[in-house]
Amino acid sequence: MKLIFFHIPKPKKFDYKPLYYDKEKDEREQRKRELGITDSNNKTTLFRGNLQKRWKKDRATQKRQQSKMRFLIYLLILFLTVYLFFFTNFIEKLVYFFRI
């Protein structure tokens, strides 16, 4: 009789079956590979690559600008609260307002 305290299941296997297979497309790609034709010379591929690079760069600069603006807003809020607490009688008015 076997005593098993810890059961460790076996990992599940990857079993992917494609839903659609285009034989003509596969044959075209095979002919292109035989002839040495690559898509890197294709103008649309180059355009798409350049467009993606530009979008990525624009997103990075936009995030950087948003980050700077957020930092400035936090800094302004901090200075405002420090000013209210130390250089005005805001605390006294607040206590007097909420006094029962």
C-alpha atoms as a PDB file:
ATOM      1  CA  MET A   1       0.000   0.000   0.000  1.00  0.00           C
ATOM      2  CA  LYS A   2       1.319   3.401  -1.040  1.00  0.00           C
ATOM      3  CA  LEU A   3       1.049   6.465   1.196  1.00  0.00           C
ATOM      4  CA  ILE A   4       1.030   9.723  -0.692  1.00  0.00           C
ATOM      5  CA  PHE A   5       1.137  12.877   1.390  1.00  0.00           C
ATOM      6  CA  PHE A   6       1.732  15.390  -1.355  1.00  0.00           C
ATOM      7  CA  HIS A   7       0.289  14.940  -4.810  1.00  0.00           C
ATOM      8  CA  ILE A   8       2.179  16.941  -7.419  1.00  0.00           C
ATOM      9  CA  PRO A   9       0.244  16.986 -10.681  1.00  0.00           C
ATOM     10  CA  LYS A  10       2.068  16.684 -13.970  1.00  0.00           C
ATOM     11  CA  PRO A  11       2.228  19.811 -16.101  1.00  0.00           C
ATOM     12  CA  LYS A  12      -0.354  20.106 -18.827  1.00  0.00           C
ATOM     13  CA  LYS A  13       0.928  19.778 -22.357  1.00  0.00           C
ATOM     14  CA  PHE A  14       0.488  22.465 -24.954  1.00  0.00           C
ATOM     15  CA  ASP A  15      -1.837  21.111 -27.614  1.00  0.00           C
ATOM     16  CA  TYR A  16      -2.670  23.851 -30.090  1.00  0.00           C
ATOM     17  CA  LYS A  17      -4.429  23.008 -33.310  1.00  0.00           C
ATOM     18  CA  PRO A  18      -4.682  25.857 -35.809  1.00  0.00           C
ATOM     19  CA  LEU A  19      -8.175  26.774 -36.836  1.00  0.00           C
ATOM     20  CA  TYR A  20      -7.323  27.712 -40.409  1.00  0.00           C
ATOM     21  CA  TYR A  21      -4.544  26.640 -42.749  1.00  0.00           C
ATOM     22  CA  ASP A  22      -3.964  28.425 -46.043  1.00  0.00           C
ATOM     23  CA  LYS A  23      -2.009  26.097 -48.291  1.00  0.00           C
ATOM     24  CA  GLU A  24      -1.610  28.693 -51.069  1.00  0.00           C
ATOM     25  CA  LYS A  25      -0.136  31.238 -48.684  1.00  0.00           C
ATOM     26  CA  ASP A  26       2.293  28.640 -47.360  1.00  0.00           C
ATOM     27  CA  GLU A  27       3.354  27.806 -50.938  1.00  0.00           C
ATOM     28  CA  ARG A  28       3.841  31.513 -51.782  1.00  0.00           C
ATOM     29  CA  GLU A  29       6.020  31.991 -48.727  1.00  0.00           C
ATOM     30  CA  GLN A  30       8.031  28.907 -49.626  1.00  0.00           C
ATOM     31  CA  ARG A  31       8.612  30.265 -53.172  1.00  0.00           C
ATOM     32  CA  LYS A  32       9.640  33.648 -51.743  1.00  0.00           C
ATOM     33  CA  ARG A  33      12.147  31.949 -49.456  1.00  0.00           C
ATOM     34  CA  GLU A  34      13.543  29.948 -52.388  1.00  0.00           C
ATOM     35  CA  LEU A  35      13.939  33.072 -54.524  1.00  0.00           C
ATOM     36  CA  GLY A  36      15.424  35.074 -51.665  1.00  0.00           C
ATOM     37  CA  ILE A  37      12.666  37.692 -51.640  1.00  0.00           C
ATOM     38  CA  THR A  38      12.244  39.286 -48.220  1.00  0.00           C
ATOM     39  CA  ASP A  39       9.610  41.658 -46.944  1.00  0.00           C
ATOM     40  CA  SER A  40      12.206  44.043 -45.528  1.00  0.00           C
ATOM     41  CA  ASN A  41      12.444  45.707 -48.953  1.00  0.00           C
ATOM     42  CA  ASN A  42       8.709  46.195 -49.099  1.00  0.00           C
ATOM     43  CA  LYS A  43       7.713  49.868 -48.781  1.00  0.00           C
ATOM     44  CA  THR A  44       4.643  49.156 -46.673  1.00  0.00           C
ATOM     45  CA  THR A  45       6.709  47.130 -44.215  1.00  0.00           C
ATOM     46  CA  LEU A  46       9.249  49.926 -43.912  1.00  0.00           C
ATOM     47  CA  PHE A  47       6.469  52.496 -43.506  1.00  0.00           C
ATOM     48  CA  ARG A  48       4.796  50.442 -40.786  1.00  0.00           C
ATOM     49  CA  GLY A  49       8.093  50.014 -38.958  1.00  0.00           C
ATOM     50  CA  ASN A  50       8.822  53.738 -39.082  1.00  0.00           C
ATOM     51  CA  LEU A  51       5.281  54.556 -37.982  1.00  0.00           C
ATOM     52  CA  GLN A  52       5.517  52.192 -35.017  1.00  0.00           C
ATOM     53  CA  LYS A  53       8.861  53.706 -33.973  1.00  0.00           C
ATOM     54  CA  ARG A  54       7.415  57.216 -34.202  1.00  0.00           C
ATOM     55  CA  TRP A  55       4.336  56.258 -32.173  1.00  0.00           C
ATOM     56  CA  LYS A  56       6.506  54.602 -29.526  1.00  0.00           C
ATOM     57  CA  LYS A  57       8.706  57.705 -29.313  1.00  0.00           C
ATOM     58  CA  ASP A  58       5.648  59.986 -29.092  1.00  0.00           C
ATOM     59  CA  ARG A  59       4.137  57.855 -26.318  1.00  0.00           C
ATOM     60  CA  ALA A  60       7.399  57.974 -24.379  1.00  0.00           C
ATOM     61  CA  THR A  61       7.643  61.768 -24.634  1.00  0.00           C
ATOM     62  CA  GLN A  62       3.973  62.132 -23.709  1.00  0.00           C
ATOM     63  CA  LYS A  63       4.453  59.952 -20.621  1.00  0.00           C
ATOM     64  CA  ARG A  64       7.523  61.961 -19.652  1.00  0.00           C
ATOM     65  CA  GLN A  65       5.589  65.230 -19.958  1.00  0.00           C
ATOM     66  CA  GLN A  66       2.686  63.841 -17.926  1.00  0.00           C
ATOM     67  CA  SER A  67       5.113  62.697 -15.268  1.00  0.00           C
ATOM     68  CA  LYS A  68       6.706  66.136 -15.053  1.00  0.00           C
ATOM     69  CA  MET A  69       3.314  67.844 -14.842  1.00  0.00           C
ATOM     70  CA  ARG A  70       2.151  65.457 -12.115  1.00  0.00           C
ATOM     71  CA  PHE A  71       5.342  66.157 -10.124  1.00  0.00           C
ATOM     72  CA  LEU A  72       4.812  69.915 -10.419  1.00  0.00           C
ATOM     73  CA  ILE A  73       1.204  69.625  -9.246  1.00  0.00           C
ATOM     74  CA  TYR A  74       2.237  67.546  -6.218  1.00  0.00           C
ATOM     75  CA  LEU A  75       4.971  70.026  -5.420  1.00  0.00           C
ATOM     76  CA  LEU A  76       2.500  72.924  -5.646  1.00  0.00           C
ATOM     77  CA  ILE A  77       0.062  71.154  -3.325  1.00  0.00           C
ATOM     78  CA  LEU A  78       2.850  70.481  -0.858  1.00  0.00           C
ATOM     79  CA  PHE A  79       3.986  74.123  -0.834  1.00  0.00           C
ATOM     80  CA  LEU A  80       0.409  75.311  -0.466  1.00  0.00           C
ATOM     81  CA  THR A  81      -0.245  73.101   2.546  1.00  0.00           C
ATOM     82  CA  VAL A  82       3.045  74.106   4.175  1.00  0.00           C
ATOM     83  CA  TYR A  83       2.165  77.766   3.615  1.00  0.00           C
ATOM     84  CA  LEU A  84      -1.328  77.328   5.058  1.00  0.00           C
ATOM     85  CA  PHE A  85      -0.117  75.529   8.166  1.00  0.00           C
ATOM     86  CA  PHE A  86       2.920  77.646   9.022  1.00  0.00           C
ATOM     87  CA  PHE A  87       2.267  81.142   7.688  1.00  0.00           C
ATOM     88  CA  THR A  88      -1.479  81.679   8.163  1.00  0.00           C
ATOM     89  CA  ASN A  89      -3.999  81.128  10.912  1.00  0.00           C
ATOM     90  CA  PHE A  90      -5.780  78.455   8.900  1.00  0.00           C
ATOM     91  CA  ILE A  91      -5.507  75.859  11.677  1.00  0.00           C
ATOM     92  CA  GLU A  92      -7.132  78.164  14.231  1.00  0.00           C
ATOM     93  CA  LYS A  93     -10.018  78.899  11.870  1.00  0.00           C
ATOM     94  CA  LEU A  94     -10.435  75.212  11.109  1.00  0.00           C
ATOM     95  CA  VAL A  95     -10.518  74.286  14.800  1.00  0.00           C
ATOM     96  CA  TYR A  96     -12.964  77.107  15.550  1.00  0.00           C
ATOM     97  CA  PHE A  97     -15.221  76.014  12.679  1.00  0.00           C
ATOM     98  CA  PHE A  98     -15.415  72.378  13.821  1.00  0.00           C
ATOM     99  CA  ARG A  99     -15.685  73.184  17.515  1.00  0.00           C
ATOM    100  CA  ILE A 100     -18.827  71.865  19.138  1.00  0.00           C
END
